[in-house]
Amino acid sequence: MKKLILFGASNFGDEIVQLFRDINKASHTPQWDIIGFLDDNLEVIGKVRNGIPVLGSKEWITKNDISEIYFVCVIGNPKIKAKVVNYLKSNGAKFASGVHPSVIISETSTIGEGTVITAGNILTTNIKVGNHIIINLACTVGHYSIIGDYSTINPGINISGDVILGEGVLLGTNATILEKMKVGDYSIIGAGAVVTKEIPPNVTAVGIPAKIIKQN
């Protein structure tokens, strides 16, 4: 089995532990040995979550041999996630991806490193899912859509065909992105919003239809 460490000892991190356990259950031979969490919150270091110990902060990787260990960053905030991933990369980390066995995805779609796709998602044809992306429960992604690195897709989101999400986009629960729309880098779409026109980078948009309420 491959050794795996999750960065982010959180409630969502517990869900990703279960994701990899489900992958193991669905495999003829278990693939992943989850050896621990890392987290920069000193209050959680040394604790155990769902049977998985919190080994230390990110500096743990500079004091241990990580040549045979894979990492996944399970932090939802795209900007923080990008910083953590870049730190891990700079110290020689390699990354795992995890797709829940219940996910429906075509053979013409691609998934980058460090990306996790949880249960109940449907991704149709010719979709490009980038690196270090979280796609949470029960989302749909339509044909030829592109999801940029470090993005976080919260539960129940519908992304129509030919959509382009830039780097670090954060979509709130139950948002809808209509066909051929584009959301710029590091923009936030509020929960339940409906994107009917292009959203520029670094803004927050909410409502039906989605309207920009602030610069990020």
C-alpha atoms as a PDB file:
ATOM      1  CA  MET A   1       0.000   0.000   0.000  1.00  0.00           C
ATOM      2  CA  LYS A   2       1.048   3.582  -0.590  1.00  0.00           C
ATOM      3  CA  LYS A   3       1.481   5.767   2.476  1.00  0.00           C
ATOM      4  CA  LEU A   4      -0.757   8.843   2.585  1.00  0.00           C
ATOM      5  CA  ILE A   5      -0.812  12.013   4.705  1.00  0.00           C
ATOM      6  CA  LEU A   6      -3.656  14.528   4.613  1.00  0.00           C
ATOM      7  CA  PHE A   7      -2.884  18.186   5.267  1.00  0.00           C
ATOM      8  CA  GLY A   8      -5.818  19.647   7.203  1.00  0.00           C
ATOM      9  CA  ALA A   9      -7.016  17.943  10.404  1.00  0.00           C
ATOM     10  CA  SER A  10     -10.609  19.120  10.088  1.00  0.00           C
ATOM     11  CA  ASN A  11     -14.126  17.738   9.859  1.00  0.00           C
ATOM     12  CA  PHE A  12     -13.764  17.751   6.080  1.00  0.00           C
ATOM     13  CA  GLY A  13     -10.437  15.987   6.481  1.00  0.00           C
ATOM     14  CA  ASP A  14     -12.349  13.199   8.239  1.00  0.00           C
ATOM     15  CA  GLU A  15     -14.550  12.892   5.143  1.00  0.00           C
ATOM     16  CA  ILE A  16     -11.480  12.482   2.962  1.00  0.00           C
ATOM     17  CA  VAL A  17     -10.187   9.778   5.284  1.00  0.00           C
ATOM     18  CA  GLN A  18     -13.453   7.958   4.600  1.00  0.00           C
ATOM     19  CA  LEU A  19     -13.072   8.604   0.856  1.00  0.00           C
ATOM     20  CA  PHE A  20      -9.748   6.772   0.785  1.00  0.00           C
ATOM     21  CA  ARG A  21     -11.112   4.021   3.015  1.00  0.00           C
ATOM     22  CA  ASP A  22     -13.968   3.557   0.541  1.00  0.00           C
ATOM     23  CA  ILE A  23     -11.447   3.376  -2.300  1.00  0.00           C
ATOM     24  CA  ASN A  24      -9.646   0.633  -0.389  1.00  0.00           C
ATOM     25  CA  LYS A  25     -12.883  -1.270   0.198  1.00  0.00           C
ATOM     26  CA  ALA A  26     -13.737  -1.148  -3.514  1.00  0.00           C
ATOM     27  CA  SER A  27     -10.302  -2.384  -4.601  1.00  0.00           C
ATOM     28  CA  HIS A  28      -9.244  -6.007  -4.853  1.00  0.00           C
ATOM     29  CA  THR A  29      -6.113  -4.977  -2.970  1.00  0.00           C
ATOM     30  CA  PRO A  30      -6.184  -1.927  -0.622  1.00  0.00           C
ATOM     31  CA  GLN A  31      -4.230   0.948  -2.147  1.00  0.00           C
ATOM     32  CA  TRP A  32      -3.762   3.498   0.626  1.00  0.00           C
ATOM     33  CA  ASP A  33      -2.338   3.432   4.142  1.00  0.00           C
ATOM     34  CA  ILE A  34      -3.384   6.703   5.778  1.00  0.00           C
ATOM     35  CA  ILE A  35      -0.628   7.317   8.302  1.00  0.00           C
ATOM     36  CA  GLY A  36      -1.641  10.736   9.590  1.00  0.00           C
ATOM     37  CA  PHE A  37      -2.693  14.339   9.305  1.00  0.00           C
ATOM     38  CA  LEU A  38      -0.580  17.480   9.301  1.00  0.00           C
ATOM     39  CA  ASP A  39      -1.996  20.817  10.472  1.00  0.00           C
ATOM     40  CA  ASP A  40      -0.555  24.191  11.464  1.00  0.00           C
ATOM     41  CA  ASN A  41      -3.104  24.524  14.280  1.00  0.00           C
ATOM     42  CA  LEU A  42      -0.951  23.616  17.270  1.00  0.00           C
ATOM     43  CA  GLU A  43      -4.026  22.762  19.347  1.00  0.00           C
ATOM     44  CA  VAL A  44      -4.787  19.650  17.278  1.00  0.00           C
ATOM     45  CA  ILE A  45      -1.268  18.236  17.028  1.00  0.00           C
ATOM     46  CA  GLY A  46      -1.017  14.942  18.889  1.00  0.00           C
ATOM     47  CA  LYS A  47      -4.739  14.263  18.751  1.00  0.00           C
ATOM     48  CA  VAL A  48      -6.381  11.378  16.899  1.00  0.00           C
ATOM     49  CA  ARG A  49      -9.268  11.841  14.451  1.00  0.00           C
ATOM     50  CA  ASN A  50     -11.200   8.770  13.327  1.00  0.00           C
ATOM     51  CA  GLY A  51      -8.232   6.606  14.163  1.00  0.00           C
ATOM     52  CA  ILE A  52      -5.749   8.858  12.324  1.00  0.00           C
ATOM     53  CA  PRO A  53      -3.102  10.754  14.356  1.00  0.00           C
ATOM     54  CA  VAL A  54      -2.214  14.404  13.809  1.00  0.00           C
ATOM     55  CA  LEU A  55       1.536  14.076  13.382  1.00  0.00           C
ATOM     56  CA  GLY A  56       2.582  17.724  13.425  1.00  0.00           C
ATOM     57  CA  SER A  57       2.663  20.976  11.485  1.00  0.00           C
ATOM     58  CA  LYS A  58       3.949  21.411   7.946  1.00  0.00           C
ATOM     59  CA  GLU A  59       7.536  21.482   9.264  1.00  0.00           C
ATOM     60  CA  TRP A  60       7.111  17.742   9.987  1.00  0.00           C
ATOM     61  CA  ILE A  61       8.048  17.038   6.383  1.00  0.00           C
ATOM     62  CA  THR A  62      11.475  18.675   6.807  1.00  0.00           C
ATOM     63  CA  LYS A  63      12.315  16.309   9.694  1.00  0.00           C
ATOM     64  CA  ASN A  64      11.139  13.024   8.195  1.00  0.00           C
ATOM     65  CA  ASP A  65      11.805  10.955   5.098  1.00  0.00           C
ATOM     66  CA  ILE A  66       8.853  11.628   2.792  1.00  0.00           C
ATOM     67  CA  SER A  67      10.222   9.882  -0.290  1.00  0.00           C
ATOM     68  CA  GLU A  68       7.641   7.073   0.004  1.00  0.00           C
ATOM     69  CA  ILE A  69       4.733   9.242   1.192  1.00  0.00           C
ATOM     70  CA  TYR A  70       1.945  10.868  -0.839  1.00  0.00           C
ATOM     71  CA  PHE A  71       0.075  13.981   0.259  1.00  0.00           C
ATOM     72  CA  VAL A  72      -3.362  15.529  -0.264  1.00  0.00           C
ATOM     73  CA  CYS A  73      -4.232  19.027   0.939  1.00  0.00           C
ATOM     74  CA  VAL A  74      -7.828  19.049   2.176  1.00  0.00           C
ATOM     75  CA  ILE A  75      -8.117  22.764   2.995  1.00  0.00           C
ATOM     76  CA  GLY A  76     -11.181  24.358   1.400  1.00  0.00           C
ATOM     77  CA  ASN A  77      -9.895  27.952   1.159  1.00  0.00           C
ATOM     78  CA  PRO A  78      -8.166  28.082  -2.252  1.00  0.00           C
ATOM     79  CA  LYS A  79      -5.594  30.742  -1.344  1.00  0.00           C
ATOM     80  CA  ILE A  80      -4.464  28.908   1.789  1.00  0.00           C
ATOM     81  CA  LYS A  81      -4.520  25.616  -0.093  1.00  0.00           C
ATOM     82  CA  ALA A  82      -2.236  27.035  -2.795  1.00  0.00           C
ATOM     83  CA  LYS A  83       0.265  28.278  -0.194  1.00  0.00           C
ATOM     84  CA  VAL A  84       0.339  24.917   1.581  1.00  0.00           C
ATOM     85  CA  VAL A  85       0.725  22.963  -1.663  1.00  0.00           C
ATOM     86  CA  ASN A  86       3.557  25.221  -2.832  1.00  0.00           C
ATOM     87  CA  TYR A  87       5.327  24.673   0.501  1.00  0.00           C
ATOM     88  CA  LEU A  88       4.918  20.919   0.192  1.00  0.00           C
ATOM     89  CA  LYS A  89       6.167  21.002  -3.410  1.00  0.00           C
ATOM     90  CA  SER A  90       9.216  23.058  -2.435  1.00  0.00           C
ATOM     91  CA  ASN A  91      10.142  20.321   0.020  1.00  0.00           C
ATOM     92  CA  GLY A  92       9.838  17.505  -2.495  1.00  0.00           C
ATOM     93  CA  ALA A  93       6.336  16.231  -1.712  1.00  0.00           C
ATOM     94  CA  LYS A  94       4.407  14.130  -4.198  1.00  0.00           C
ATOM     95  CA  PHE A  95       0.639  14.090  -4.352  1.00  0.00           C
ATOM     96  CA  ALA A  96      -2.178  11.568  -4.511  1.00  0.00           C
ATOM     97  CA  SER A  97      -5.609  11.949  -6.081  1.00  0.00           C
ATOM     98  CA  GLY A  98      -8.746  10.230  -4.872  1.00  0.00           C
ATOM     99  CA  VAL A  99     -12.014   9.560  -6.705  1.00  0.00           C
ATOM    100  CA  HIS A 100     -14.841   7.910  -4.787  1.00  0.00           C
ATOM    101  CA  PRO A 101     -16.020   4.602  -6.299  1.00  0.00           C
ATOM    102  CA  SER A 102     -19.540   6.003  -6.763  1.00  0.00           C
ATOM    103  CA  VAL A 103     -18.377   8.821  -9.052  1.00  0.00           C
ATOM    104  CA  ILE A 104     -19.470   8.629 -12.685  1.00  0.00           C
ATOM    105  CA  ILE A 105     -16.798  10.068 -14.971  1.00  0.00           C
ATOM    106  CA  SER A 106     -16.052   9.487 -18.641  1.00  0.00           C
ATOM    107  CA  GLU A 107     -12.796   8.081 -19.947  1.00  0.00           C
ATOM    108  CA  THR A 108     -12.380  11.299 -21.975  1.00  0.00           C
ATOM    109  CA  SER A 109     -12.096  13.431 -18.832  1.00  0.00           C
ATOM    110  CA  THR A 110      -8.856  14.049 -16.921  1.00  0.00           C
ATOM    111  CA  ILE A 111      -8.048  14.678 -13.263  1.00  0.00           C
ATOM    112  CA  GLY A 112      -4.892  16.353 -11.981  1.00  0.00           C
ATOM    113  CA  GLU A 113      -2.688  15.516  -9.014  1.00  0.00           C
ATOM    114  CA  GLY A 114      -3.817  16.199  -5.476  1.00  0.00           C
ATOM    115  CA  THR A 115      -7.479  16.362  -6.478  1.00  0.00           C
ATOM    116  CA  VAL A 116     -10.253  14.677  -4.504  1.00  0.00           C
ATOM    117  CA  ILE A 117     -13.749  13.938  -5.817  1.00  0.00           C
ATOM    118  CA  THR A 118     -16.177  12.718  -3.173  1.00  0.00           C
ATOM    119  CA  ALA A 119     -19.270  10.535  -3.418  1.00  0.00           C
ATOM    120  CA  GLY A 120     -22.184  11.003  -5.792  1.00  0.00           C
ATOM    121  CA  ASN A 121     -20.607  13.250  -8.422  1.00  0.00           C
ATOM    122  CA  ILE A 122     -21.238  13.005 -12.159  1.00  0.00           C
ATOM    123  CA  LEU A 123     -18.704  14.332 -14.666  1.00  0.00           C
ATOM    124  CA  THR A 124     -19.594  13.870 -18.325  1.00  0.00           C
ATOM    125  CA  THR A 125     -17.315  14.078 -21.363  1.00  0.00           C
ATOM    126  CA  ASN A 126     -14.018  15.824 -22.124  1.00  0.00           C
ATOM    127  CA  ILE A 127     -13.773  17.626 -18.795  1.00  0.00           C
ATOM    128  CA  LYS A 128     -10.433  18.884 -17.504  1.00  0.00           C
ATOM    129  CA  VAL A 129     -10.196  18.880 -13.714  1.00  0.00           C
ATOM    130  CA  GLY A 130      -6.938  20.526 -12.649  1.00  0.00           C
ATOM    131  CA  ASN A 131      -4.607  19.999  -9.712  1.00  0.00           C
ATOM    132  CA  HIS A 132      -5.418  20.208  -5.991  1.00  0.00           C
ATOM    133  CA  ILE A 133      -9.149  20.595  -6.496  1.00  0.00           C
ATOM    134  CA  ILE A 134     -11.921  19.573  -4.118  1.00  0.00           C
ATOM    135  CA  ILE A 135     -15.227  18.478  -5.637  1.00  0.00           C
ATOM    136  CA  ASN A 136     -17.551  17.814  -2.738  1.00  0.00           C
ATOM    137  CA  LEU A 137     -20.707  15.700  -2.605  1.00  0.00           C
ATOM    138  CA  ALA A 138     -23.342  15.328  -5.350  1.00  0.00           C
ATOM    139  CA  CYS A 139     -22.210  17.810  -7.999  1.00  0.00           C
ATOM    140  CA  THR A 140     -22.601  17.646 -11.783  1.00  0.00           C
ATOM    141  CA  VAL A 141     -20.028  18.892 -14.287  1.00  0.00           C
ATOM    142  CA  GLY A 142     -20.976  19.179 -17.957  1.00  0.00           C
ATOM    143  CA  HIS A 143     -19.099  18.485 -21.176  1.00  0.00           C
ATOM    144  CA  TYR A 144     -15.830  20.241 -22.059  1.00  0.00           C
ATOM    145  CA  SER A 145     -15.749  22.236 -18.842  1.00  0.00           C
ATOM    146  CA  ILE A 146     -12.430  23.232 -17.279  1.00  0.00           C
ATOM    147  CA  ILE A 147     -11.849  23.570 -13.535  1.00  0.00           C
ATOM    148  CA  GLY A 148      -8.710  25.478 -12.581  1.00  0.00           C
ATOM    149  CA  ASP A 149      -6.097  24.443 -10.037  1.00  0.00           C
ATOM    150  CA  TYR A 150      -6.856  24.908  -6.306  1.00  0.00           C
ATOM    151  CA  SER A 151     -10.588  25.409  -6.856  1.00  0.00           C
ATOM    152  CA  THR A 152     -13.132  24.205  -4.307  1.00  0.00           C
ATOM    153  CA  ILE A 153     -16.543  22.981  -5.472  1.00  0.00           C
ATOM    154  CA  ASN A 154     -18.921  22.640  -2.529  1.00  0.00           C
ATOM    155  CA  PRO A 155     -21.857  20.172  -2.365  1.00  0.00           C
ATOM    156  CA  GLY A 156     -24.792  20.163  -4.749  1.00  0.00           C
ATOM    157  CA  ILE A 157     -23.318  22.400  -7.445  1.00  0.00           C
ATOM    158  CA  ASN A 158     -24.358  22.189 -11.100  1.00  0.00           C
ATOM    159  CA  ILE A 159     -21.731  23.227 -13.633  1.00  0.00           C
ATOM    160  CA  SER A 160     -23.122  23.231 -17.168  1.00  0.00           C
ATOM    161  CA  GLY A 161     -21.209  22.428 -20.352  1.00  0.00           C
ATOM    162  CA  ASP A 162     -18.296  24.498 -21.712  1.00  0.00           C
ATOM    163  CA  VAL A 163     -17.783  26.349 -18.434  1.00  0.00           C
ATOM    164  CA  ILE A 164     -14.349  27.683 -17.512  1.00  0.00           C
ATOM    165  CA  LEU A 165     -13.463  28.122 -13.857  1.00  0.00           C
ATOM    166  CA  GLY A 166     -10.169  29.910 -13.287  1.00  0.00           C
ATOM    167  CA  GLU A 167      -7.535  29.109 -10.696  1.00  0.00           C
ATOM    168  CA  GLY A 168      -8.673  29.107  -7.086  1.00  0.00           C
ATOM    169  CA  VAL A 169     -12.405  29.548  -7.692  1.00  0.00           C
ATOM    170  CA  LEU A 170     -14.660  28.860  -4.711  1.00  0.00           C
ATOM    171  CA  LEU A 171     -18.265  27.818  -5.448  1.00  0.00           C
ATOM    172  CA  GLY A 172     -20.761  27.866  -2.579  1.00  0.00           C
ATOM    173  CA  THR A 173     -23.181  25.021  -1.894  1.00  0.00           C
ATOM    174  CA  ASN A 174     -25.947  24.572  -4.504  1.00  0.00           C
ATOM    175  CA  ALA A 175     -24.609  27.222  -6.875  1.00  0.00           C
ATOM    176  CA  THR A 176     -25.327  26.870 -10.592  1.00  0.00           C
ATOM    177  CA  ILE A 177     -23.009  27.927 -13.435  1.00  0.00           C
ATOM    178  CA  LEU A 178     -24.842  28.192 -16.744  1.00  0.00           C
ATOM    179  CA  GLU A 179     -23.445  26.954 -20.048  1.00  0.00           C
ATOM    180  CA  LYS A 180     -20.374  28.680 -21.516  1.00  0.00           C
ATOM    181  CA  MET A 181     -19.908  30.956 -18.502  1.00  0.00           C
ATOM    182  CA  LYS A 182     -16.479  31.875 -17.137  1.00  0.00           C
ATOM    183  CA  VAL A 183     -15.525  32.598 -13.549  1.00  0.00           C
ATOM    184  CA  GLY A 184     -12.202  34.389 -13.067  1.00  0.00           C
ATOM    185  CA  ASP A 185      -9.293  33.406 -10.850  1.00  0.00           C
ATOM    186  CA  TYR A 186      -9.915  33.403  -7.094  1.00  0.00           C
ATOM    187  CA  SER A 187     -13.487  34.588  -7.363  1.00  0.00           C
ATOM    188  CA  ILE A 188     -16.154  33.385  -4.942  1.00  0.00           C
ATOM    189  CA  ILE A 189     -19.688  32.436  -5.969  1.00  0.00           C
ATOM    190  CA  GLY A 190     -22.129  32.433  -3.062  1.00  0.00           C
ATOM    191  CA  ALA A 191     -24.302  29.532  -1.991  1.00  0.00           C
ATOM    192  CA  GLY A 192     -27.363  29.106  -4.207  1.00  0.00           C
ATOM    193  CA  ALA A 193     -26.213  31.716  -6.722  1.00  0.00           C
ATOM    194  CA  VAL A 194     -26.865  31.345 -10.466  1.00  0.00           C
ATOM    195  CA  VAL A 195     -24.097  32.598 -12.760  1.00  0.00           C
ATOM    196  CA  THR A 196     -25.658  33.933 -15.984  1.00  0.00           C
ATOM    197  CA  LYS A 197     -22.789  36.139 -17.181  1.00  0.00           C
ATOM    198  CA  GLU A 198     -19.008  36.160 -16.955  1.00  0.00           C
ATOM    199  CA  ILE A 199     -17.559  36.824 -13.513  1.00  0.00           C
ATOM    200  CA  PRO A 200     -14.160  38.608 -13.446  1.00  0.00           C
ATOM    201  CA  PRO A 201     -11.246  37.584 -11.210  1.00  0.00           C
ATOM    202  CA  ASN A 202     -11.032  38.306  -7.480  1.00  0.00           C
ATOM    203  CA  VAL A 203     -14.634  39.219  -6.756  1.00  0.00           C
ATOM    204  CA  THR A 204     -17.510  37.798  -4.737  1.00  0.00           C
ATOM    205  CA  ALA A 205     -20.841  37.344  -6.523  1.00  0.00           C
ATOM    206  CA  VAL A 206     -24.122  36.244  -4.954  1.00  0.00           C
ATOM    207  CA  GLY A 207     -27.807  35.929  -5.800  1.00  0.00           C
ATOM    208  CA  ILE A 208     -30.045  34.964  -8.724  1.00  0.00           C
ATOM    209  CA  PRO A 209     -28.707  36.056 -11.127  1.00  0.00           C
ATOM    210  CA  ALA A 210     -25.275  36.357  -9.508  1.00  0.00           C
ATOM    211  CA  LYS A 211     -24.179  39.955  -8.959  1.00  0.00           C
ATOM    212  CA  ILE A 212     -20.818  41.212  -7.759  1.00  0.00           C
ATOM    213  CA  ILE A 213     -20.953  42.542  -4.207  1.00  0.00           C
ATOM    214  CA  LYS A 214     -17.281  43.131  -3.464  1.00  0.00           C
ATOM    215  CA  GLN A 215     -13.684  42.879  -4.589  1.00  0.00           C
ATOM    216  CA  ASN A 216     -11.708  40.166  -2.810  1.00  0.00           C
END
